Protein backbone atom coordinates (compact mmCIF):
# COMPACT_ATOMS: atom_id res chain seq x y z
CA MET A 1 -12.45 -10.72 -8.36
CA LEU A 2 -8.88 -11.51 -9.34
CA GLY A 3 -9.29 -15.76 -9.92
CA PRO A 4 -7.20 -17.85 -8.67
CA PRO A 5 -4.55 -18.36 -7.84
CA TYR A 6 -5.56 -15.42 -5.55
CA GLU A 7 -7.69 -15.91 -1.98
CA ARG A 8 -8.67 -13.12 0.56
CA HIS A 9 -9.35 -13.35 4.15
CA THR A 10 -12.33 -11.06 5.68
CA ILE A 11 -10.67 -9.65 9.24
CA ASP A 12 -13.34 -8.54 11.20
CA LEU A 13 -12.32 -5.64 13.44
CA GLY A 14 -15.59 -5.07 15.47
CA SER A 15 -17.45 -1.73 14.68
CA ASP A 16 -16.84 2.09 14.72
CA ASP A 17 -19.37 5.04 14.56
CA GLU A 18 -20.21 4.37 11.29
CA GLY A 19 -20.84 0.65 12.33
CA SER A 20 -19.31 -2.72 11.52
CA VAL A 21 -15.93 -2.85 10.08
CA VAL A 22 -13.83 -5.28 8.02
CA ALA A 23 -10.38 -5.27 6.27
CA THR A 24 -9.84 -7.38 3.86
CA LEU A 25 -6.10 -9.64 2.96
CA VAL A 26 -5.51 -10.97 -0.10
CA ARG A 27 -2.98 -13.97 -0.36
CA ARG A 28 -1.31 -15.27 -3.72
CA ARG A 29 0.97 -18.15 -3.11
CA ALA A 30 4.36 -19.27 -4.32
CA GLU A 31 4.34 -21.84 -6.33
CA ARG A 32 7.82 -22.91 -4.44
CA PRO A 33 7.94 -21.07 -1.48
CA THR A 34 10.77 -20.19 0.53
CA GLY A 35 9.11 -18.94 3.84
CA ARG A 36 9.58 -15.71 2.78
CA ALA A 37 6.15 -13.09 2.59
CA VAL A 38 5.49 -9.71 1.44
CA LEU A 39 2.33 -7.87 3.55
CA TYR A 40 1.67 -5.10 1.02
CA VAL A 41 -0.31 -1.91 1.75
CA HIS A 42 -1.91 0.44 -1.06
CA GLY A 43 -2.16 4.25 -0.50
CA PHE A 44 -5.28 6.94 -0.71
CA VAL A 45 -7.84 5.97 -3.45
CA ASP A 46 -6.73 2.90 -4.01
CA TYR A 47 -6.99 -1.02 -3.53
CA PHE A 48 -4.77 -4.33 -4.53
CA PHE A 49 -5.11 -4.65 -8.06
CA GLN A 50 -1.52 -4.83 -9.21
CA THR A 51 -1.06 -8.41 -10.17
CA HIS A 52 2.66 -8.36 -12.05
CA LEU A 53 3.76 -7.14 -8.35
CA ALA A 54 2.39 -10.20 -6.56
CA ASP A 55 3.78 -12.35 -10.22
CA PHE A 56 6.94 -10.47 -9.29
CA PHE A 57 7.84 -11.85 -5.50
CA ALA A 58 5.75 -15.40 -5.85
CA GLU A 59 8.28 -16.17 -9.65
CA ARG A 60 10.75 -15.85 -6.46
CA GLY A 61 9.01 -18.03 -3.79
CA TRP A 62 7.96 -15.32 -1.56
CA ASP A 63 4.17 -15.68 -0.75
CA PHE A 64 2.30 -12.03 -1.54
CA TYR A 65 -0.63 -10.62 0.77
CA ALA A 66 -2.01 -7.44 0.12
CA LEU A 67 -4.11 -5.59 2.90
CA ASP A 68 -7.37 -3.37 1.66
CA LEU A 69 -7.52 -1.35 4.56
CA ARG A 70 -10.89 -0.40 6.83
CA LYS A 71 -13.27 1.74 4.14
CA TYR A 72 -10.96 0.97 1.05
CA GLY A 73 -11.82 -1.16 -1.90
CA ARG A 74 -12.79 -4.84 -0.81
CA SER A 75 -13.11 -3.50 2.77
CA LEU A 76 -15.85 -0.56 2.04
CA LEU A 77 -19.25 -1.42 3.01
CA PRO A 78 -22.49 0.57 1.96
CA HIS A 79 -22.93 2.44 5.22
CA GLN A 80 -18.85 3.80 4.86
CA THR A 81 -17.62 7.13 4.70
CA ALA A 82 -14.99 5.90 1.44
CA ASN A 83 -11.12 5.81 2.66
CA PHE A 84 -12.32 7.81 5.61
CA CYS A 85 -10.52 7.66 9.16
CA ARG A 86 -9.66 10.07 12.12
CA ASP A 87 -6.18 8.09 12.81
CA LEU A 88 -3.76 6.88 11.28
CA GLY A 89 -3.11 4.77 14.36
CA ASP A 90 -6.99 2.86 13.46
CA TYR A 91 -4.99 0.95 11.04
CA PHE A 92 -2.43 -1.01 13.30
CA PRO A 93 -5.20 -3.87 14.31
CA GLU A 94 -5.75 -4.85 10.63
CA LEU A 95 -1.75 -4.65 10.57
CA ASP A 96 -1.51 -6.86 13.42
CA ALA A 97 -4.12 -8.96 12.27
CA ALA A 98 -2.72 -9.69 8.75
CA ALA A 99 1.48 -9.82 10.56
CA GLN A 100 -0.59 -12.62 12.85
CA ILE A 101 -1.64 -14.92 9.96
CA ILE A 102 1.31 -14.69 8.02
CA ARG A 103 3.59 -15.04 10.72
CA THR A 104 1.57 -17.48 12.73
CA GLU A 105 -1.01 -19.22 10.98
CA ASP A 106 1.13 -19.37 7.45
CA GLY A 107 4.37 -19.90 9.78
CA HIS A 108 6.52 -16.88 7.49
CA ASP A 109 10.25 -16.53 8.71
CA THR A 110 10.39 -13.76 7.08
CA LEU A 111 8.32 -10.69 6.13
CA LEU A 112 8.88 -7.80 4.10
CA ALA A 113 6.46 -5.14 4.57
CA MET A 114 5.51 -2.71 1.73
CA GLY A 115 3.70 0.91 1.43
CA HIS A 116 2.96 3.28 -1.01
CA SER A 117 2.13 6.71 -0.88
CA THR A 118 -0.93 6.99 2.29
CA GLY A 119 0.24 3.38 3.24
CA GLY A 120 4.21 3.82 2.97
CA LEU A 121 3.21 6.40 5.85
CA ILE A 122 0.82 4.34 7.63
CA VAL A 123 3.54 1.26 7.43
CA SER A 124 6.26 3.65 8.97
CA LEU A 125 4.22 4.24 11.84
CA TRP A 126 2.84 0.98 12.98
CA ALA A 127 6.65 -0.25 12.20
CA HIS A 128 7.92 2.38 14.72
CA ALA A 129 5.02 1.46 17.20
CA ARG A 130 5.76 -1.95 16.58
CA ARG A 131 9.13 -1.79 17.01
CA ASP A 132 10.23 -4.45 20.19
CA ALA A 133 7.50 -7.05 18.29
CA GLY A 134 9.80 -8.45 15.34
CA LEU A 135 6.52 -8.47 12.99
CA VAL A 136 8.64 -7.24 10.28
CA ASP A 137 12.46 -7.95 8.82
CA GLY A 138 12.64 -4.80 6.26
CA ILE A 139 10.15 -1.96 4.83
CA PHE A 140 10.02 -1.37 1.48
CA LEU A 141 8.42 2.27 0.67
CA ASN A 142 7.11 3.32 -2.74
CA SER A 143 6.71 6.68 -3.05
CA PRO A 144 5.53 7.19 0.70
CA PHE A 145 3.21 10.83 1.80
CA PHE A 146 5.51 12.31 3.78
CA ASP A 147 4.55 15.96 3.72
CA LEU A 148 1.49 17.80 1.73
CA ASN A 149 2.18 18.53 -2.09
CA ALA A 150 1.66 22.28 -1.47
CA PRO A 151 3.71 25.30 -0.90
CA TRP A 152 4.99 26.19 2.33
CA PHE A 153 2.13 28.35 3.79
CA VAL A 154 -0.99 25.42 2.78
CA ARG A 155 1.85 22.94 4.29
CA ARG A 156 2.00 24.54 8.09
CA PRO A 157 -0.52 27.15 9.18
CA LEU A 158 -3.23 26.42 7.04
CA ALA A 159 -3.33 22.85 7.78
CA ALA A 160 -3.03 23.72 11.08
CA ALA A 161 -6.10 25.39 10.36
CA VAL A 162 -7.84 22.78 9.06
CA ALA A 163 -6.89 20.33 11.56
CA ARG A 164 -8.70 22.08 14.35
CA LEU A 165 -11.95 21.89 11.74
CA GLY A 166 -11.68 18.25 11.67
CA ARG A 167 -11.31 17.79 14.86
CA ARG A 168 -14.65 19.64 15.51
CA ALA A 169 -16.41 18.97 11.82
CA PRO A 170 -14.45 15.55 10.69
CA HIS A 171 -16.66 14.90 8.20
CA ARG A 172 -16.25 18.49 6.53
CA ILE A 173 -15.51 17.78 2.89
CA LEU A 174 -12.56 20.48 1.81
CA PRO A 175 -12.12 22.12 -1.19
CA LEU A 176 -9.00 19.98 -2.04
CA GLY A 177 -8.21 17.48 -4.66
CA LEU A 178 -6.56 15.06 -6.64
CA GLY A 179 -7.37 15.96 -9.65
CA THR A 180 -7.82 13.06 -13.05
CA VAL A 181 -4.21 13.58 -14.56
CA TYR A 182 -2.53 10.56 -12.34
CA GLY A 183 -5.59 8.32 -13.24
CA GLU A 184 -5.59 8.91 -16.21
CA SER A 185 -1.84 9.06 -16.72
CA ILE A 186 -2.45 4.64 -15.53
CA HIS A 187 -6.19 4.08 -16.08
CA ALA A 188 -5.79 1.70 -19.71
CA ASP A 189 -9.54 3.67 -20.59
CA HIS A 190 -7.24 6.79 -20.81
CA ARG A 191 -3.78 6.98 -21.28
CA GLY A 192 -2.62 4.39 -19.23
CA GLU A 193 -1.89 0.69 -19.47
CA TRP A 194 -3.84 -0.62 -16.10
CA THR A 195 -7.28 -1.89 -16.04
CA TYR A 196 -8.99 -1.06 -12.20
CA ASP A 197 -12.06 -1.05 -10.61
CA LEU A 198 -13.10 3.34 -10.88
CA THR A 199 -15.84 2.34 -8.06
CA TRP A 200 -13.00 1.85 -6.01
CA LYS A 201 -10.10 4.05 -7.50
CA PRO A 202 -12.26 7.07 -9.08
CA LEU A 203 -9.96 8.79 -11.65
CA ALA A 204 -10.60 12.20 -9.52
CA GLY A 205 -10.64 10.07 -6.02
CA PHE A 206 -13.19 10.74 -3.19
CA PRO A 207 -13.96 14.21 -1.37
CA VAL A 208 -11.05 14.86 1.24
CA ARG A 209 -12.35 15.52 4.42
CA ALA A 210 -10.87 17.56 7.25
CA GLY A 211 -11.22 14.71 9.74
CA TRP A 212 -8.64 12.96 7.26
CA LEU A 213 -6.19 15.51 6.90
CA ASP A 214 -5.94 16.24 10.34
CA ALA A 215 -5.17 12.14 10.94
CA VAL A 216 -2.40 12.47 7.84
CA ARG A 217 -1.44 15.58 9.04
CA THR A 218 -0.31 14.21 12.54
CA GLY A 219 1.14 11.03 11.23
CA GLN A 220 3.41 13.50 9.28
CA ARG A 221 4.40 15.64 11.88
CA ARG A 222 5.29 12.01 14.16
CA LEU A 223 7.48 11.32 11.54
CA ARG A 224 9.37 13.80 10.82
CA ALA A 225 10.10 14.44 14.53
CA GLY A 226 12.15 11.33 13.61
CA LEU A 227 10.83 7.49 13.94
CA ASP A 228 12.95 4.40 15.23
CA ILE A 229 12.65 1.82 12.82
CA PRO A 230 14.82 -1.09 13.53
CA VAL A 231 15.08 -3.54 10.40
CA PRO A 232 16.25 -2.34 6.95
CA VAL A 233 14.36 0.04 4.78
CA LEU A 234 14.41 1.20 1.11
CA LEU A 235 12.76 4.35 0.12
CA ALA A 236 12.21 4.24 -3.71
CA CYS A 237 10.98 7.15 -5.59
CA SER A 238 10.44 9.36 -8.85
CA THR A 239 13.27 11.68 -9.75
CA ARG A 240 10.64 14.27 -10.28
CA SER A 241 7.09 15.83 -10.19
CA TYR A 242 4.44 16.86 -12.51
CA ARG A 243 2.64 19.55 -10.41
CA SER A 244 -0.27 20.84 -13.82
CA THR A 245 -3.58 20.11 -13.41
CA LYS A 246 -3.76 19.46 -17.27
CA TRP A 247 -2.56 16.60 -19.24
CA ARG A 248 0.63 17.04 -20.71
CA ASP A 249 3.21 13.94 -21.64
CA ALA A 250 5.24 14.90 -18.82
CA ALA A 251 2.55 13.47 -16.55
CA SER A 252 3.75 9.33 -17.87
CA LEU A 253 7.24 9.71 -16.53
CA ALA A 254 6.94 11.62 -13.48
CA ASP A 255 5.25 11.20 -9.82
CA ALA A 256 2.22 13.46 -10.31
CA VAL A 257 0.81 13.10 -6.96
CA LEU A 258 3.11 14.23 -4.72
CA ASP A 259 6.42 16.03 -3.89
CA VAL A 260 9.42 13.75 -4.45
CA GLU A 261 11.63 16.14 -2.80
CA HIS A 262 9.99 15.57 0.34
CA MET A 263 10.24 12.02 0.55
CA VAL A 264 14.28 12.26 -0.16
CA ARG A 265 14.09 15.41 2.78
CA TRP A 266 12.33 13.11 5.39
CA ALA A 267 13.32 9.65 4.70
CA PRO A 268 16.33 10.11 7.31
CA ARG A 269 13.73 10.36 9.80
CA LEU A 270 12.57 6.40 9.60
CA GLY A 271 15.60 5.16 11.13
CA GLN A 272 19.10 4.47 11.23
CA HIS A 273 19.06 1.56 8.12
CA VAL A 274 17.56 3.35 5.25
CA THR A 275 18.30 3.36 1.50
CA LEU A 276 17.38 5.98 -1.16
CA ALA A 277 16.59 4.81 -4.74
CA ARG A 278 15.20 7.12 -7.39
CA PHE A 279 14.04 6.23 -10.92
CA ASP A 280 14.09 8.43 -13.56
CA GLY A 281 10.52 8.81 -15.25
CA GLY A 282 8.87 6.88 -12.57
CA MET A 283 5.82 7.19 -11.66
CA HIS A 284 3.34 7.95 -8.19
CA ASP A 285 3.01 4.11 -7.80
CA LEU A 286 6.52 3.33 -9.10
CA THR A 287 4.71 -0.50 -9.95
CA LEU A 288 2.66 1.27 -12.31
CA SER A 289 5.14 3.16 -14.21
CA GLY A 290 6.46 2.06 -18.13
CA PRO A 291 7.95 -1.29 -18.48
CA ALA A 292 11.36 -0.21 -18.62
CA VAL A 293 11.12 1.65 -15.13
CA ARG A 294 9.23 -1.00 -13.85
CA GLU A 295 11.93 -3.59 -14.25
CA LYS A 296 14.53 -1.47 -13.11
CA VAL A 297 12.72 -0.94 -9.81
CA PHE A 298 11.95 -4.47 -9.48
CA ALA A 299 15.40 -5.88 -9.92
CA GLU A 300 16.21 -2.85 -7.46
CA VAL A 301 14.07 -4.30 -5.08
CA GLY A 302 15.33 -7.59 -5.82
CA ARG A 303 19.14 -6.91 -4.93
CA TRP A 304 18.23 -4.67 -2.27
CA ALA A 305 16.31 -7.73 -0.36
CA GLU A 306 18.90 -10.20 -1.28
CA ALA A 307 21.52 -8.03 0.42
CA PHE A 308 19.59 -7.05 3.73
CA LEU A 309 17.28 -9.71 3.71
CA GLY A 310 19.23 -12.68 3.13
CA ALA A 311 16.67 -13.44 0.48
CA GLY A 312 19.18 -15.58 -1.68
CA PRO A 313 18.48 -15.64 -5.57
CA THR A 314 16.24 -12.86 -7.14
CA ALA A 315 15.75 -15.08 -10.01
CA ALA A 316 12.66 -16.40 -10.86
CA ARG A 317 12.18 -19.76 -9.54
CA PRO A 318 10.68 -22.38 -12.33
CA ALA A 319 7.57 -23.98 -10.74
CA ALA A 320 8.33 -28.01 -9.65
CA PRO A 321 5.51 -29.86 -12.42
CA GLU A 322 2.65 -32.00 -10.58
CA PRO A 323 0.91 -34.54 -11.72
CA ARG A 324 -2.47 -33.60 -13.21
CA ARG A 325 -5.75 -35.36 -11.63
CA ALA A 326 -8.78 -36.29 -14.19
CA ASP A 327 -11.00 -34.50 -11.54
CA ASP A 328 -8.86 -31.74 -11.35
CA ALA A 329 -10.61 -28.66 -11.94
CA PRO A 330 -10.54 -24.66 -10.83
CA GLU A 331 -12.71 -23.69 -8.17
CA ALA A 332 -15.45 -21.59 -8.36
CA ALA A 333 -14.58 -18.06 -7.04
CA ALA A 334 -16.61 -17.76 -4.15
CA GLU A 335 -17.25 -14.15 -1.90
CA THR A 336 -15.96 -13.51 1.18
CA THR A 337 -17.50 -14.45 4.44
CA PRO A 338 -18.77 -11.18 5.96
CA HIS A 339 -17.71 -11.67 9.33
CA ALA A 340 -14.90 -13.05 10.90
CA ASP A 341 -12.24 -13.43 14.16
CA ALA A 342 -9.12 -10.81 13.64
CA GLY A 343 -6.84 -13.69 14.05
CA THR A 344 -8.27 -15.99 12.19
CA ALA A 345 -10.10 -14.53 9.27
CA ALA A 346 -12.48 -16.24 6.98
CA ARG A 347 -10.99 -17.98 3.37
CA SER A 348 -11.98 -17.78 0.20
CA ARG A 349 -11.47 -17.98 -3.25
CA GLU A 350 -10.73 -13.94 -4.38
């Protein structure tokens, strides 16, 4: 779907109560690799499409990997409930498999895990659970989903009641939704500058189900109780939130999905080495903010990686020219192999 130089690996995860399950690892290699890699994990109602983010890292010698989690984006199969899970730990097997591919099969010695929104919560819980395995060297959290964006009564007593419902009727659709403001603020067909698949990332999102909300609430409670992530963490978010369900221009200069003060409040619970960076005018996905803001975000990430991961210069690395053969021609894109062993994954053109 993205075309060269992107490739994808299909990771076979067996089956669950809905049938077969897969995850998809997208890879973009650097022209001049340095042995360093990034693993990106998207948020709720999301998938990887931010090629400018991959370009930023690849130009600096980092191989870039993005994981479409089970039942999301490239990994969503016809028989599945979109974006649904009953436990955030269900995503750990594909994260383990991705880390194995990056570390063992592709031979990288440094791995930066990057999680956006719900992906930030998932990556945090996974890094804590695997803290003795040495899988990652640093974590970058982009507007992580650390608490429900709602008044206290909804976040605590009401959410607890819904959680009980989620255990009895996990697929029950709740009268909750993301609204369309954020989607309108980023998609090029509306008020944004980005083009992506509205089938996989619809403006109003997918239905919020009781089992999913229970899983998120349980994960958030675990994080707020305190994690022990042993590697440096950079948490980045906007300076303000946008709370209206109606469009105003201010929506393009704030987090229109989550309460940024929740991120700031719970950041110290991640571990003992947490850096907080806030960006005025930043959107929910900071990398989709306006050009001036995202330039500042990338610069901060580059400085942080250089300081704490020994990443070397943050300037883009020029590609070495290669001799062109007479038979050079782009390969045609191919669909993914539908099933492959988790550790080895099938590879094809993206």
